[in-house]
Protein backbone atom coordinates (compact mmCIF):
# COMPACT_ATOMS: atom_id res chain seq x y z
CA MET A 1 7.11 -24.71 -0.93
CA LYS A 2 10.53 -23.84 0.67
CA SER A 3 12.37 -21.16 -1.44
CA ILE A 4 11.33 -18.65 -4.38
CA GLN A 5 12.87 -21.07 -6.69
CA ASP A 6 10.23 -23.68 -6.01
CA THR A 7 7.36 -23.79 -8.47
CA PHE A 8 3.85 -23.57 -9.63
CA THR A 9 2.91 -25.90 -12.40
CA LEU A 10 0.83 -24.28 -15.27
CA SER A 11 -2.04 -26.29 -17.00
CA ASN A 12 0.39 -27.18 -20.02
CA GLY A 13 3.03 -28.80 -17.51
CA VAL A 14 5.67 -25.78 -17.73
CA LYS A 15 7.05 -25.02 -14.25
CA ILE A 16 7.03 -21.31 -13.01
CA PRO A 17 8.96 -20.14 -10.27
CA CYS A 18 6.38 -19.28 -7.04
CA VAL A 19 7.88 -15.51 -6.55
CA GLY A 20 8.58 -13.29 -9.58
CA PHE A 21 10.89 -10.20 -9.52
CA GLY A 22 8.94 -7.04 -10.62
CA THR A 23 10.59 -4.63 -12.97
CA TRP A 24 7.62 -1.73 -13.23
CA ASN A 25 9.30 1.58 -13.45
CA LEU A 26 12.84 -0.04 -13.48
CA GLU A 27 15.23 2.00 -16.12
CA ASN A 28 16.39 0.61 -19.41
CA SER A 29 19.86 1.13 -18.45
CA GLN A 30 23.28 -0.07 -16.84
CA SER A 31 21.49 0.54 -13.38
CA GLY A 32 18.31 -1.49 -14.47
CA ILE A 33 20.56 -4.41 -15.54
CA ASP A 34 22.52 -4.34 -12.23
CA ILE A 35 19.41 -4.15 -10.14
CA ILE A 36 18.26 -7.28 -11.97
CA LYS A 37 21.31 -9.03 -11.91
CA THR A 38 21.37 -8.32 -8.16
CA ALA A 39 17.96 -10.05 -7.98
CA ILE A 40 19.21 -13.19 -9.84
CA ASP A 41 22.18 -13.04 -7.54
CA CYS A 42 19.79 -13.00 -4.64
CA GLY A 43 18.00 -16.52 -6.06
CA TYR A 44 15.15 -15.20 -8.27
CA ARG A 45 14.73 -16.85 -11.36
CA HIS A 46 11.55 -15.47 -12.79
CA ILE A 47 11.60 -12.03 -14.30
CA ASP A 48 8.42 -9.94 -14.96
CA THR A 49 8.50 -7.16 -17.58
CA ALA A 50 6.39 -5.51 -20.38
CA ALA A 51 6.72 -3.81 -23.46
CA ALA A 52 4.93 -1.04 -21.47
CA TYR A 53 7.56 -0.68 -19.21
CA HIS A 54 10.32 0.18 -21.72
CA ASN A 55 13.04 -1.84 -19.92
CA GLU A 56 13.00 -5.26 -21.86
CA ASN A 57 16.38 -4.56 -23.09
CA ALA A 58 18.03 -4.36 -19.71
CA VAL A 59 15.90 -7.59 -18.45
CA GLY A 60 17.25 -9.67 -21.53
CA ARG A 61 20.77 -8.37 -21.19
CA ALA A 62 20.73 -9.19 -17.03
CA VAL A 63 19.65 -12.45 -18.11
CA THR A 64 21.87 -13.25 -21.04
CA THR A 65 24.97 -12.14 -18.63
CA SER A 66 23.90 -13.47 -15.42
CA GLY A 67 26.24 -16.55 -15.82
CA LEU A 68 23.03 -18.97 -15.65
CA PRO A 69 21.70 -21.29 -18.38
CA ARG A 70 18.63 -19.94 -20.24
CA GLU A 71 16.54 -22.61 -19.27
CA GLU A 72 16.95 -21.87 -15.49
CA MET A 73 15.52 -18.46 -15.82
CA PHE A 74 11.66 -17.86 -16.40
CA VAL A 75 11.24 -14.44 -18.45
CA THR A 76 7.53 -12.84 -18.94
CA SER A 77 6.63 -9.85 -20.86
CA LYS A 78 3.10 -8.39 -21.93
CA LEU A 79 1.75 -7.05 -25.11
CA ASP A 80 1.83 -3.17 -25.85
CA ASN A 81 -1.64 -1.73 -25.50
CA ALA A 82 -1.24 -0.14 -28.97
CA SER A 83 -0.86 -3.71 -30.39
CA HIS A 84 -3.94 -5.54 -30.17
CA GLY A 85 -5.05 -7.48 -33.26
CA TYR A 86 -3.43 -10.51 -35.09
CA GLU A 87 -0.81 -8.85 -37.28
CA GLU A 88 -0.31 -6.12 -34.75
CA THR A 89 0.46 -8.55 -32.13
CA LEU A 90 2.83 -10.77 -34.26
CA ALA A 91 4.81 -7.52 -35.12
CA ALA A 92 4.83 -6.60 -31.33
CA PHE A 93 6.05 -9.97 -30.31
CA ASP A 94 9.07 -9.50 -32.82
CA ARG A 95 9.98 -5.81 -31.20
CA THR A 96 9.84 -7.66 -27.85
CA MET A 97 12.07 -10.45 -28.74
CA ASN A 98 14.68 -8.08 -30.37
CA GLU A 99 14.57 -5.84 -27.13
CA LEU A 100 15.14 -8.92 -25.12
CA GLY A 101 17.68 -10.71 -27.41
CA LEU A 102 16.51 -13.84 -26.40
CA ASP A 103 15.49 -16.94 -28.37
CA TYR A 104 12.10 -17.77 -26.80
CA LEU A 105 9.78 -16.39 -24.09
CA ASP A 106 8.63 -18.52 -20.97
CA LEU A 107 5.55 -16.49 -20.92
CA TYR A 108 3.44 -13.90 -22.93
CA LEU A 109 0.59 -11.67 -21.78
CA ILE A 110 -2.16 -9.77 -22.93
CA HIS A 111 -1.19 -6.74 -20.70
CA TRP A 112 -4.76 -5.15 -20.42
CA PRO A 113 -8.15 -6.41 -21.92
CA LYS A 114 -9.65 -3.17 -23.18
CA PRO A 115 -7.18 -0.23 -23.76
CA TYR A 116 -8.66 3.13 -24.20
CA ALA A 117 -7.82 3.53 -27.85
CA ILE A 118 -9.43 0.42 -28.90
CA ARG A 119 -12.00 0.32 -26.33
CA ASP A 120 -15.10 -0.15 -28.93
CA ARG A 121 -13.30 -2.80 -30.65
CA TRP A 122 -11.54 -4.85 -27.81
CA LYS A 123 -13.39 -8.37 -28.10
CA ILE A 124 -12.43 -8.71 -32.04
CA LEU A 125 -9.18 -7.46 -31.37
CA ASN A 126 -8.54 -9.51 -28.55
CA GLU A 127 -9.55 -12.59 -30.92
CA GLY A 128 -7.01 -11.78 -33.35
CA THR A 129 -4.34 -11.28 -30.47
CA TRP A 130 -5.05 -14.70 -28.88
CA LEU A 131 -4.94 -16.32 -32.56
CA ALA A 132 -1.27 -14.89 -32.75
CA PHE A 133 -0.43 -16.06 -29.28
CA GLU A 134 -1.54 -19.57 -30.13
CA GLU A 135 0.69 -19.73 -33.15
CA LEU A 136 3.74 -18.27 -31.59
CA TYR A 137 3.21 -20.97 -28.72
CA GLU A 138 2.55 -23.80 -31.13
CA LYS A 139 5.93 -22.57 -32.82
CA GLY A 140 7.57 -22.92 -29.46
CA LEU A 141 8.69 -19.21 -29.44
CA ILE A 142 6.49 -18.87 -26.11
CA LYS A 143 6.29 -21.62 -23.43
CA ALA A 144 3.00 -20.31 -22.11
CA ILE A 145 0.60 -17.55 -22.67
CA GLY A 146 -1.91 -15.91 -20.84
CA VAL A 147 -3.60 -12.61 -19.74
CA SER A 148 -3.24 -9.75 -17.25
CA ASN A 149 -6.02 -7.60 -15.72
CA PHE A 150 -8.62 -9.90 -17.14
CA LEU A 151 -11.91 -10.30 -15.63
CA GLU A 152 -14.67 -12.99 -15.99
CA HIS A 153 -16.35 -10.95 -18.95
CA HIS A 154 -13.00 -10.52 -20.75
CA LEU A 155 -12.02 -13.99 -20.43
CA GLU A 156 -15.09 -15.55 -21.77
CA PRO A 157 -14.74 -14.18 -25.26
CA ILE A 158 -11.62 -15.87 -25.45
CA PHE A 159 -12.42 -19.31 -24.12
CA ASP A 160 -15.57 -19.12 -26.68
CA LYS A 161 -12.73 -18.98 -29.48
CA CYS A 162 -9.34 -20.68 -28.31
CA ASN A 163 -7.85 -23.62 -28.86
CA VAL A 164 -5.32 -23.10 -26.17
CA MET A 165 -6.62 -21.92 -22.97
CA PRO A 166 -4.79 -18.99 -21.00
CA MET A 167 -2.35 -20.45 -18.24
CA VAL A 168 -2.02 -17.48 -16.35
CA ASN A 169 -3.98 -14.15 -15.35
CA GLN A 170 -1.88 -11.39 -13.70
CA ILE A 171 -4.07 -9.32 -11.57
CA GLU A 172 -4.10 -6.65 -8.65
CA ILE A 173 -4.03 -8.80 -5.58
CA HIS A 174 -3.27 -7.99 -1.99
CA PRO A 175 -5.18 -7.88 1.37
CA GLN A 176 -6.97 -5.02 0.43
CA TYR A 177 -8.07 -6.43 -2.87
CA PRO A 178 -8.18 -10.34 -2.84
CA GLN A 179 -10.60 -10.55 -6.01
CA TYR A 180 -12.23 -13.33 -4.84
CA ASP A 181 -14.58 -13.86 -7.55
CA ILE A 182 -12.03 -13.63 -10.35
CA VAL A 183 -9.51 -15.84 -8.52
CA SER A 184 -11.91 -18.42 -7.80
CA PHE A 185 -13.05 -18.38 -11.65
CA CYS A 186 -9.51 -18.67 -12.67
CA LYS A 187 -8.75 -21.63 -10.62
CA SER A 188 -11.67 -23.49 -11.61
CA ASN A 189 -10.45 -23.01 -15.38
CA GLY A 190 -6.91 -24.09 -14.57
CA ILE A 191 -5.58 -20.53 -14.78
CA LEU A 192 -2.59 -19.50 -12.26
CA VAL A 193 -3.36 -16.11 -10.57
CA GLU A 194 -0.19 -13.68 -10.25
CA ALA A 195 -0.51 -11.00 -8.12
CA TRP A 196 0.88 -7.69 -9.12
CA SER A 197 1.20 -4.72 -6.20
CA PRO A 198 1.46 -7.65 -3.62
CA LEU A 199 2.64 -4.80 -1.22
CA ILE A 200 -0.50 -2.74 -1.93
CA GLY A 201 1.73 -0.24 -3.92
CA GLY A 202 3.75 0.74 -1.08
CA ARG A 203 0.43 1.56 1.31
CA ALA A 204 1.24 -1.73 3.11
CA PHE A 205 4.09 -0.14 5.21
CA LYS A 206 2.05 2.39 6.84
CA ASN A 207 -0.99 0.19 7.77
CA ALA A 208 -1.37 -0.07 11.27
CA ILE A 209 -3.12 -3.88 10.98
CA LEU A 210 -0.07 -5.19 8.95
CA ILE A 211 2.41 -3.39 11.09
CA GLU A 212 0.98 -5.32 14.06
CA MET A 213 0.85 -8.57 12.44
CA ALA A 214 4.38 -8.47 11.30
CA LYS A 215 5.12 -7.44 14.85
CA LYS A 216 3.36 -10.64 16.24
CA TYR A 217 5.03 -12.87 13.55
CA GLY A 218 8.41 -11.50 14.08
CA LYS A 219 8.56 -10.78 10.15
CA THR A 220 8.01 -7.58 8.05
CA VAL A 221 5.41 -6.19 6.35
CA SER A 222 6.00 -6.99 3.30
CA GLN A 223 6.64 -10.55 4.18
CA ILE A 224 3.39 -10.82 5.72
CA CYS A 225 1.86 -9.50 2.24
CA LEU A 226 4.00 -11.92 0.11
CA ARG A 227 3.11 -15.04 2.73
CA TRP A 228 -0.64 -13.96 2.35
CA SER A 229 -0.20 -14.08 -1.48
CA ILE A 230 1.33 -17.56 -1.23
CA GLN A 231 -1.35 -18.94 1.01
CA MET A 232 -3.86 -17.31 -1.38
CA GLY A 233 -2.60 -19.61 -4.24
CA ALA A 234 -1.39 -16.65 -6.13
CA LEU A 235 2.16 -15.80 -7.26
CA PRO A 236 3.49 -12.61 -6.06
CA LEU A 237 5.47 -10.07 -7.98
CA PRO A 238 7.12 -7.87 -5.66
CA LYS A 239 9.94 -5.54 -6.68
CA SER A 240 12.79 -3.57 -5.05
CA SER A 241 16.08 -1.86 -5.95
CA THR A 242 18.24 -3.31 -2.76
CA ALA A 243 19.79 -6.71 -2.29
CA GLU A 244 18.62 -6.47 1.27
CA ARG A 245 15.00 -5.93 0.59
CA MET A 246 15.29 -8.68 -2.21
CA ARG A 247 16.52 -11.09 0.28
CA GLU A 248 13.86 -10.16 2.68
CA ASN A 249 10.86 -10.44 0.04
CA ALA A 250 12.36 -14.13 -0.64
CA ASP A 251 12.26 -15.06 3.22
CA ILE A 252 8.66 -15.99 3.40
CA PHE A 253 8.84 -19.87 3.72
CA ASP A 254 9.58 -20.58 7.06
CA PHE A 255 6.12 -19.31 8.86
CA GLU A 256 2.33 -19.55 8.29
CA ILE A 257 -0.20 -16.93 8.79
CA SER A 258 -3.15 -18.72 10.80
CA ALA A 259 -6.43 -18.76 9.63
CA GLU A 260 -7.61 -16.66 12.48
CA ASP A 261 -5.22 -13.94 11.06
CA ILE A 262 -6.13 -14.34 7.80
CA ASN A 263 -9.51 -13.39 8.72
CA VAL A 264 -8.23 -10.38 10.48
CA LEU A 265 -6.87 -9.25 7.40
CA ARG A 266 -10.23 -9.08 5.89
CA GLN A 267 -10.53 -5.93 7.66
CA LEU A 268 -8.44 -4.26 5.01
CA GLU A 269 -10.70 -5.23 2.32
CA GLU A 270 -12.84 -2.01 2.44
CA LEU A 271 -10.13 0.15 1.30
CA GLY A 272 -10.06 -1.68 -1.90
CA SER A 273 -7.99 -1.33 -5.05
CA VAL A 274 -4.83 1.18 -5.57
CA GLY A 275 -4.65 0.65 -9.24
CA SER A 276 -6.80 1.13 -12.43
CA HIS A 277 -10.00 -0.94 -13.14
CA PRO A 278 -9.79 -3.14 -16.44
CA ASP A 279 -13.02 -1.53 -17.88
CA THR A 280 -12.01 2.06 -17.19
CA ALA A 281 -8.31 2.45 -17.28
CA GLU A 282 -7.55 5.55 -19.32
CA PHE A 283 -4.33 3.98 -21.41
């Protein structure tokens, strides 16, 4: 890969740009629209949002007013936690599309496997949700379908019932929390892994090992983390509000972290996750 517009290929043949622009915490306002359009101007063609981010309208407006053909953009959204189940999912998808103002979605994900309010019924409700996902996919309203924050024991019930396998699993991935087991499981089942919080929730910039490695390669800490994701075969989803940082996050294709230094980064694994665990998240 040579740029953020180069692509991974999903199991159904759909091409997905290899670095996405994350929009968590981005306002659903003209300011939010302007930031997303700046990212598009900086070369990003993959925009990641969710119903829970409450900014789908800003994402849709940025995409539709970008001046680019719709087919050149890849837009992901995620199911609201309160909307698991067949009928609820169909209604939630309609709300998402109304907010986005788009004719189709490139990728739709179940955001969390076991939302707190439905934890006692999560398996049966996810079966209904996945049936709705498959119907929307077969109708061409979604180009690819997948999940987010799913571990092996969350995926297996879907595997048992599905006609269409999940194509993506978006999970917390960074040098502190590489999640080798679920990454390996996904790869063995043809599921692309996407990395949320690839910069360790901002903690990367204060980590001495990452700071020293960035100096060694003549790169920034964020570039080391994002390059690590690419070399792990995971699609990173960095977010930023400035054009300078957006361009920096895109400039990760002219170097490679050595195997020796990848091993050095394993020291960070003792620090672990910075986000919620899918089985115990209180939302």
